[in-house]
N, C-alpha and C. Protein backbone atom coordinates (compact mmCIF):
# COMPACT_ATOMS: atom_id res chain seq x y z
N UNK A 1 114.08 130.71 107.32
CA UNK A 1 113.59 131.93 106.71
C UNK A 1 113.94 133.11 107.62
N UNK A 2 114.51 134.11 107.06
CA UNK A 2 114.85 135.28 107.83
C UNK A 2 113.89 136.40 107.46
N UNK A 3 113.06 136.77 108.39
CA UNK A 3 112.06 137.80 108.14
C UNK A 3 112.52 139.12 108.76
N UNK A 4 113.28 139.87 108.03
CA UNK A 4 113.76 141.15 108.52
C UNK A 4 113.11 142.24 107.69
N UNK A 5 112.48 143.18 108.37
CA UNK A 5 111.96 144.33 107.64
C UNK A 5 112.56 145.60 108.22
N UNK A 6 112.55 146.65 107.43
CA UNK A 6 113.24 147.88 107.83
C UNK A 6 112.64 148.51 109.08
N UNK A 7 111.33 148.40 109.25
CA UNK A 7 110.68 149.02 110.40
C UNK A 7 111.13 148.39 111.71
N UNK A 8 111.38 147.09 111.70
CA UNK A 8 111.75 146.44 112.96
C UNK A 8 113.25 146.27 113.13
N UNK A 9 114.04 146.53 112.10
CA UNK A 9 115.49 146.32 112.21
C UNK A 9 116.15 147.29 113.18
N UNK A 10 115.52 148.42 113.46
CA UNK A 10 116.10 149.37 114.39
C UNK A 10 115.68 149.08 115.83
N UNK A 11 114.83 148.11 116.04
CA UNK A 11 114.38 147.76 117.38
C UNK A 11 115.42 146.88 118.08
N UNK A 12 115.43 146.95 119.39
CA UNK A 12 116.38 146.15 120.16
C UNK A 12 116.01 144.66 120.08
N UNK A 13 116.99 143.83 120.35
CA UNK A 13 116.77 142.38 120.34
C UNK A 13 115.66 142.01 121.31
N UNK A 14 115.65 142.62 122.49
CA UNK A 14 114.63 142.33 123.50
C UNK A 14 113.24 142.66 122.98
N UNK A 15 113.09 143.80 122.32
CA UNK A 15 111.78 144.20 121.80
C UNK A 15 111.36 143.32 120.63
N UNK A 16 112.30 142.97 119.74
CA UNK A 16 111.97 142.07 118.63
C UNK A 16 111.48 140.73 119.16
N UNK A 17 112.12 140.25 120.22
CA UNK A 17 111.71 138.97 120.82
C UNK A 17 110.32 139.09 121.43
N UNK A 18 110.08 140.16 122.14
CA UNK A 18 108.78 140.38 122.79
C UNK A 18 107.66 140.50 121.76
N UNK A 19 107.95 141.10 120.61
CA UNK A 19 106.94 141.31 119.57
C UNK A 19 106.92 140.21 118.52
N UNK A 20 107.75 139.18 118.69
CA UNK A 20 107.84 138.06 117.74
C UNK A 20 108.17 138.56 116.33
N UNK A 21 109.19 139.38 116.22
CA UNK A 21 109.59 139.94 114.94
C UNK A 21 110.93 139.37 114.50
N UNK A 22 111.18 139.48 113.20
CA UNK A 22 112.45 139.09 112.58
C UNK A 22 112.85 137.66 112.95
N UNK A 23 113.99 137.49 113.61
CA UNK A 23 114.45 136.13 113.91
C UNK A 23 113.57 135.42 114.93
N UNK A 24 112.65 136.14 115.57
CA UNK A 24 111.74 135.54 116.55
C UNK A 24 110.33 135.33 115.99
N UNK A 25 110.14 135.62 114.73
CA UNK A 25 108.82 135.43 114.11
C UNK A 25 108.44 133.95 114.15
N UNK A 26 107.18 133.71 114.42
CA UNK A 26 106.65 132.34 114.44
C UNK A 26 105.79 132.17 113.19
N UNK A 27 106.07 131.12 112.43
CA UNK A 27 105.37 130.87 111.19
C UNK A 27 104.41 129.70 111.34
N UNK A 28 103.45 129.64 110.43
CA UNK A 28 102.51 128.53 110.38
C UNK A 28 101.88 128.49 109.00
N UNK A 29 101.07 127.46 108.75
CA UNK A 29 100.40 127.34 107.46
C UNK A 29 99.02 126.74 107.64
N UNK A 30 98.16 127.04 106.69
CA UNK A 30 96.80 126.52 106.74
C UNK A 30 96.60 125.50 105.63
N UNK A 31 95.59 124.67 105.80
CA UNK A 31 95.16 123.79 104.72
C UNK A 31 93.68 123.53 104.87
N UNK A 32 93.08 123.18 103.76
CA UNK A 32 91.68 122.77 103.76
C UNK A 32 91.51 121.67 102.73
N UNK A 33 90.52 120.83 102.97
CA UNK A 33 90.28 119.72 102.06
C UNK A 33 88.85 119.20 102.22
N UNK A 34 88.41 118.49 101.22
CA UNK A 34 87.14 117.78 101.30
C UNK A 34 87.43 116.35 101.71
N UNK A 35 86.50 115.76 102.45
CA UNK A 35 86.64 114.39 102.91
C UNK A 35 85.45 113.56 102.43
N UNK A 36 85.68 112.30 102.15
CA UNK A 36 84.60 111.37 101.80
C UNK A 36 84.57 110.25 102.83
N UNK A 37 84.22 110.63 104.04
CA UNK A 37 84.14 109.69 105.14
C UNK A 37 82.68 109.37 105.42
N UNK A 38 82.40 108.16 105.84
CA UNK A 38 81.02 107.72 106.00
C UNK A 38 80.37 108.19 107.29
N UNK A 39 81.14 108.33 108.34
CA UNK A 39 80.53 108.66 109.62
C UNK A 39 81.56 109.30 110.56
N UNK A 40 81.09 109.61 111.75
CA UNK A 40 81.94 110.26 112.75
C UNK A 40 83.11 109.37 113.18
N UNK A 41 82.90 108.08 113.19
CA UNK A 41 83.97 107.16 113.58
C UNK A 41 85.13 107.24 112.59
N UNK A 42 84.83 107.25 111.30
CA UNK A 42 85.90 107.39 110.29
C UNK A 42 86.58 108.75 110.41
N UNK A 43 85.80 109.79 110.71
CA UNK A 43 86.38 111.11 110.90
C UNK A 43 87.33 111.11 112.09
N UNK A 44 86.94 110.48 113.18
CA UNK A 44 87.80 110.40 114.36
C UNK A 44 89.10 109.67 114.05
N UNK A 45 89.03 108.61 113.25
CA UNK A 45 90.23 107.87 112.85
C UNK A 45 91.14 108.76 112.00
N UNK A 46 90.55 109.47 111.02
CA UNK A 46 91.31 110.41 110.19
C UNK A 46 92.01 111.45 111.06
N UNK A 47 91.26 112.04 111.98
CA UNK A 47 91.81 113.08 112.84
C UNK A 47 92.91 112.54 113.75
N UNK A 48 92.71 111.36 114.31
CA UNK A 48 93.75 110.75 115.15
C UNK A 48 95.04 110.50 114.37
N UNK A 49 94.91 110.00 113.14
CA UNK A 49 96.09 109.77 112.30
C UNK A 49 96.81 111.08 111.99
N UNK A 50 96.05 112.10 111.63
CA UNK A 50 96.63 113.41 111.31
C UNK A 50 97.32 114.01 112.53
N UNK A 51 96.65 113.97 113.67
CA UNK A 51 97.24 114.53 114.89
C UNK A 51 98.51 113.77 115.30
N UNK A 52 98.54 112.47 115.06
CA UNK A 52 99.74 111.69 115.35
C UNK A 52 100.93 112.14 114.51
N UNK A 53 100.67 112.38 113.22
CA UNK A 53 101.74 112.87 112.33
C UNK A 53 102.23 114.25 112.76
N UNK A 54 101.29 115.10 113.10
CA UNK A 54 101.63 116.47 113.46
C UNK A 54 102.42 116.50 114.77
N UNK A 55 101.97 115.75 115.76
CA UNK A 55 102.66 115.72 117.05
C UNK A 55 104.07 115.15 116.92
N UNK A 56 104.25 114.17 116.04
CA UNK A 56 105.57 113.56 115.84
C UNK A 56 106.57 114.55 115.26
N UNK A 57 106.08 115.61 114.62
CA UNK A 57 106.95 116.63 114.02
C UNK A 57 107.03 117.88 114.91
N UNK A 58 106.60 117.76 116.16
CA UNK A 58 106.58 118.89 117.11
C UNK A 58 105.75 120.06 116.60
N UNK A 59 104.60 119.74 116.02
CA UNK A 59 103.68 120.75 115.52
C UNK A 59 102.36 120.64 116.28
N UNK A 60 101.55 121.68 116.18
CA UNK A 60 100.20 121.68 116.75
C UNK A 60 99.22 122.13 115.68
N UNK A 61 97.97 121.71 115.84
CA UNK A 61 96.93 122.00 114.86
C UNK A 61 95.76 122.66 115.55
N UNK A 62 95.23 123.69 114.91
CA UNK A 62 93.98 124.29 115.34
C UNK A 62 93.04 124.28 114.16
N UNK A 63 91.83 123.87 114.36
CA UNK A 63 90.88 123.81 113.26
C UNK A 63 89.83 122.78 113.52
N UNK A 64 89.18 122.34 112.47
CA UNK A 64 88.16 121.32 112.65
C UNK A 64 87.39 121.07 111.38
N UNK A 65 86.37 120.27 111.51
CA UNK A 65 85.55 119.93 110.37
C UNK A 65 84.61 118.80 110.71
N UNK A 66 84.24 118.08 109.67
CA UNK A 66 83.33 116.95 109.82
C UNK A 66 83.69 115.90 108.78
N UNK A 67 82.80 114.96 108.54
CA UNK A 67 83.09 113.86 107.61
C UNK A 67 83.18 114.32 106.15
N UNK A 68 82.80 115.56 105.87
CA UNK A 68 82.81 116.07 104.49
C UNK A 68 83.87 117.15 104.22
N UNK A 69 84.27 117.88 105.25
CA UNK A 69 85.16 119.02 105.05
C UNK A 69 86.05 119.21 106.28
N UNK A 70 87.29 119.65 106.04
CA UNK A 70 88.21 119.90 107.15
C UNK A 70 89.11 121.07 106.80
N UNK A 71 89.34 121.95 107.77
CA UNK A 71 90.35 123.00 107.58
C UNK A 71 91.11 123.20 108.89
N UNK A 72 92.34 123.63 108.76
CA UNK A 72 93.18 123.75 109.95
C UNK A 72 94.33 124.71 109.71
N UNK A 73 94.93 125.13 110.81
CA UNK A 73 96.14 125.92 110.80
C UNK A 73 97.16 125.18 111.64
N UNK A 74 98.38 125.06 111.13
CA UNK A 74 99.42 124.29 111.81
C UNK A 74 100.61 125.20 112.09
N UNK A 75 101.14 125.09 113.30
CA UNK A 75 102.33 125.82 113.69
C UNK A 75 103.16 124.95 114.63
N UNK A 76 104.27 125.46 115.07
CA UNK A 76 105.16 124.69 115.95
C UNK A 76 104.60 124.62 117.37
N UNK A 77 104.91 123.54 118.04
CA UNK A 77 104.51 123.40 119.45
C UNK A 77 105.52 124.07 120.38
N UNK A 78 106.62 124.55 119.81
CA UNK A 78 107.68 125.16 120.62
C UNK A 78 107.70 126.68 120.42
N UNK A 79 108.02 127.37 121.48
CA UNK A 79 108.09 128.83 121.43
C UNK A 79 109.26 129.26 120.55
N UNK A 80 109.04 130.27 119.75
CA UNK A 80 110.04 130.82 118.83
C UNK A 80 110.51 129.81 117.80
N UNK A 81 109.70 128.84 117.49
CA UNK A 81 110.02 127.86 116.44
C UNK A 81 108.92 127.90 115.39
N UNK A 82 109.21 127.36 114.25
CA UNK A 82 108.25 127.38 113.14
C UNK A 82 108.34 126.07 112.37
N UNK A 83 107.25 125.71 111.69
CA UNK A 83 107.34 124.57 110.77
C UNK A 83 108.31 124.91 109.65
N UNK A 84 108.90 123.91 109.09
CA UNK A 84 109.80 124.08 107.95
C UNK A 84 109.03 123.79 106.67
N UNK A 85 109.59 124.18 105.54
CA UNK A 85 108.96 123.85 104.25
C UNK A 85 108.80 122.34 104.09
N UNK A 86 109.72 121.58 104.68
CA UNK A 86 109.62 120.12 104.62
C UNK A 86 108.38 119.62 105.36
N UNK A 87 108.01 120.30 106.45
CA UNK A 87 106.79 119.93 107.18
C UNK A 87 105.55 120.18 106.33
N UNK A 88 105.54 121.32 105.64
CA UNK A 88 104.41 121.63 104.76
C UNK A 88 104.30 120.57 103.67
N UNK A 89 105.42 120.25 103.04
CA UNK A 89 105.43 119.23 101.98
C UNK A 89 105.01 117.87 102.50
N UNK A 90 105.45 117.52 103.70
CA UNK A 90 105.12 116.22 104.29
C UNK A 90 103.61 116.10 104.54
N UNK A 91 103.02 117.13 105.13
CA UNK A 91 101.57 117.11 105.41
C UNK A 91 100.80 117.07 104.10
N UNK A 92 101.22 117.86 103.12
CA UNK A 92 100.54 117.86 101.82
C UNK A 92 100.64 116.49 101.16
N UNK A 93 101.80 115.86 101.20
CA UNK A 93 101.98 114.53 100.61
C UNK A 93 101.11 113.50 101.32
N UNK A 94 101.00 113.60 102.64
CA UNK A 94 100.16 112.67 103.39
C UNK A 94 98.70 112.83 103.00
N UNK A 95 98.26 114.07 102.85
CA UNK A 95 96.87 114.32 102.43
C UNK A 95 96.63 113.78 101.02
N UNK A 96 97.57 114.03 100.11
CA UNK A 96 97.43 113.56 98.73
C UNK A 96 97.40 112.04 98.64
N UNK A 97 98.11 111.37 99.53
CA UNK A 97 98.17 109.90 99.51
C UNK A 97 96.91 109.25 100.09
N UNK A 98 96.10 110.03 100.79
CA UNK A 98 94.90 109.49 101.41
C UNK A 98 93.75 109.54 100.40
N UNK A 99 93.20 108.38 100.04
CA UNK A 99 92.15 108.34 99.02
C UNK A 99 90.80 108.87 99.51
N UNK A 100 90.69 109.20 100.77
CA UNK A 100 89.45 109.78 101.32
C UNK A 100 89.50 111.31 101.33
N UNK A 101 90.60 111.87 100.82
CA UNK A 101 90.80 113.32 100.84
C UNK A 101 90.86 113.84 99.41
N UNK A 102 90.16 114.95 99.15
CA UNK A 102 90.18 115.57 97.82
C UNK A 102 90.16 117.09 97.95
N UNK A 103 90.33 117.77 96.83
CA UNK A 103 90.32 119.24 96.78
C UNK A 103 91.20 119.85 97.88
N UNK A 104 92.43 119.43 97.89
CA UNK A 104 93.38 119.86 98.92
C UNK A 104 93.97 121.21 98.55
N UNK A 105 93.96 122.11 99.51
CA UNK A 105 94.59 123.42 99.34
C UNK A 105 95.48 123.67 100.55
N UNK A 106 96.78 123.76 100.31
CA UNK A 106 97.75 123.99 101.39
C UNK A 106 98.38 125.35 101.17
N UNK A 107 98.31 126.19 102.20
CA UNK A 107 98.87 127.53 102.10
C UNK A 107 100.36 127.56 102.35
N UNK A 108 100.95 128.71 102.09
CA UNK A 108 102.37 128.92 102.35
C UNK A 108 102.57 129.29 103.81
N UNK A 109 103.82 129.22 104.24
CA UNK A 109 104.15 129.65 105.59
C UNK A 109 103.92 131.15 105.73
N UNK A 110 103.21 131.54 106.78
CA UNK A 110 102.93 132.95 107.06
C UNK A 110 103.27 133.24 108.52
N UNK A 111 103.49 134.49 108.81
CA UNK A 111 103.77 134.93 110.17
C UNK A 111 102.49 134.76 110.99
N UNK A 112 102.56 134.00 112.06
CA UNK A 112 101.40 133.71 112.89
C UNK A 112 100.83 134.97 113.53
N UNK A 113 101.69 135.91 113.90
CA UNK A 113 101.24 137.11 114.60
C UNK A 113 100.89 138.26 113.68
N UNK A 114 101.50 138.33 112.51
CA UNK A 114 101.31 139.49 111.63
C UNK A 114 100.97 139.12 110.20
N UNK A 115 100.81 137.85 109.88
CA UNK A 115 100.73 137.43 108.49
C UNK A 115 99.36 137.29 107.89
N UNK A 116 98.32 137.63 108.62
CA UNK A 116 96.98 137.40 108.07
C UNK A 116 96.43 138.61 107.40
C-alpha cells in the first residue's frame, strides 16, 4: 500500500521517515470477538495459540480480554513494516475456524500513527 498525500509529498525523505509518513507509514488492524471459554485456563490456551500464530508472521498484538470477550490491535514487529492484507485474512480465518469464538469484527489496515 502506498500512502502518499499531498501535504507530506513535499517533505524530505528524512522527515517522512522520522514522521512515519508515506512509504514509511506503519499499518495495523484491530479485531474484537466474543469467546465462550469456561475458565482462565481455556483463555490462556486461546491466547497462547493466537500469540503463536501472530509471532510466526512477525506481528505483535496489544490488547486483552477474558473468557467472554477479547479485543486487540495487531501490527508488525519490525520497524517500518506493516501487516499485509493476507495477514488480516489469515487471522480472521483462524478466528472463524475456532468454535469458541463468535461475533468477530476485524478492522481494515490503518495507519498506526495517524489512522485513528
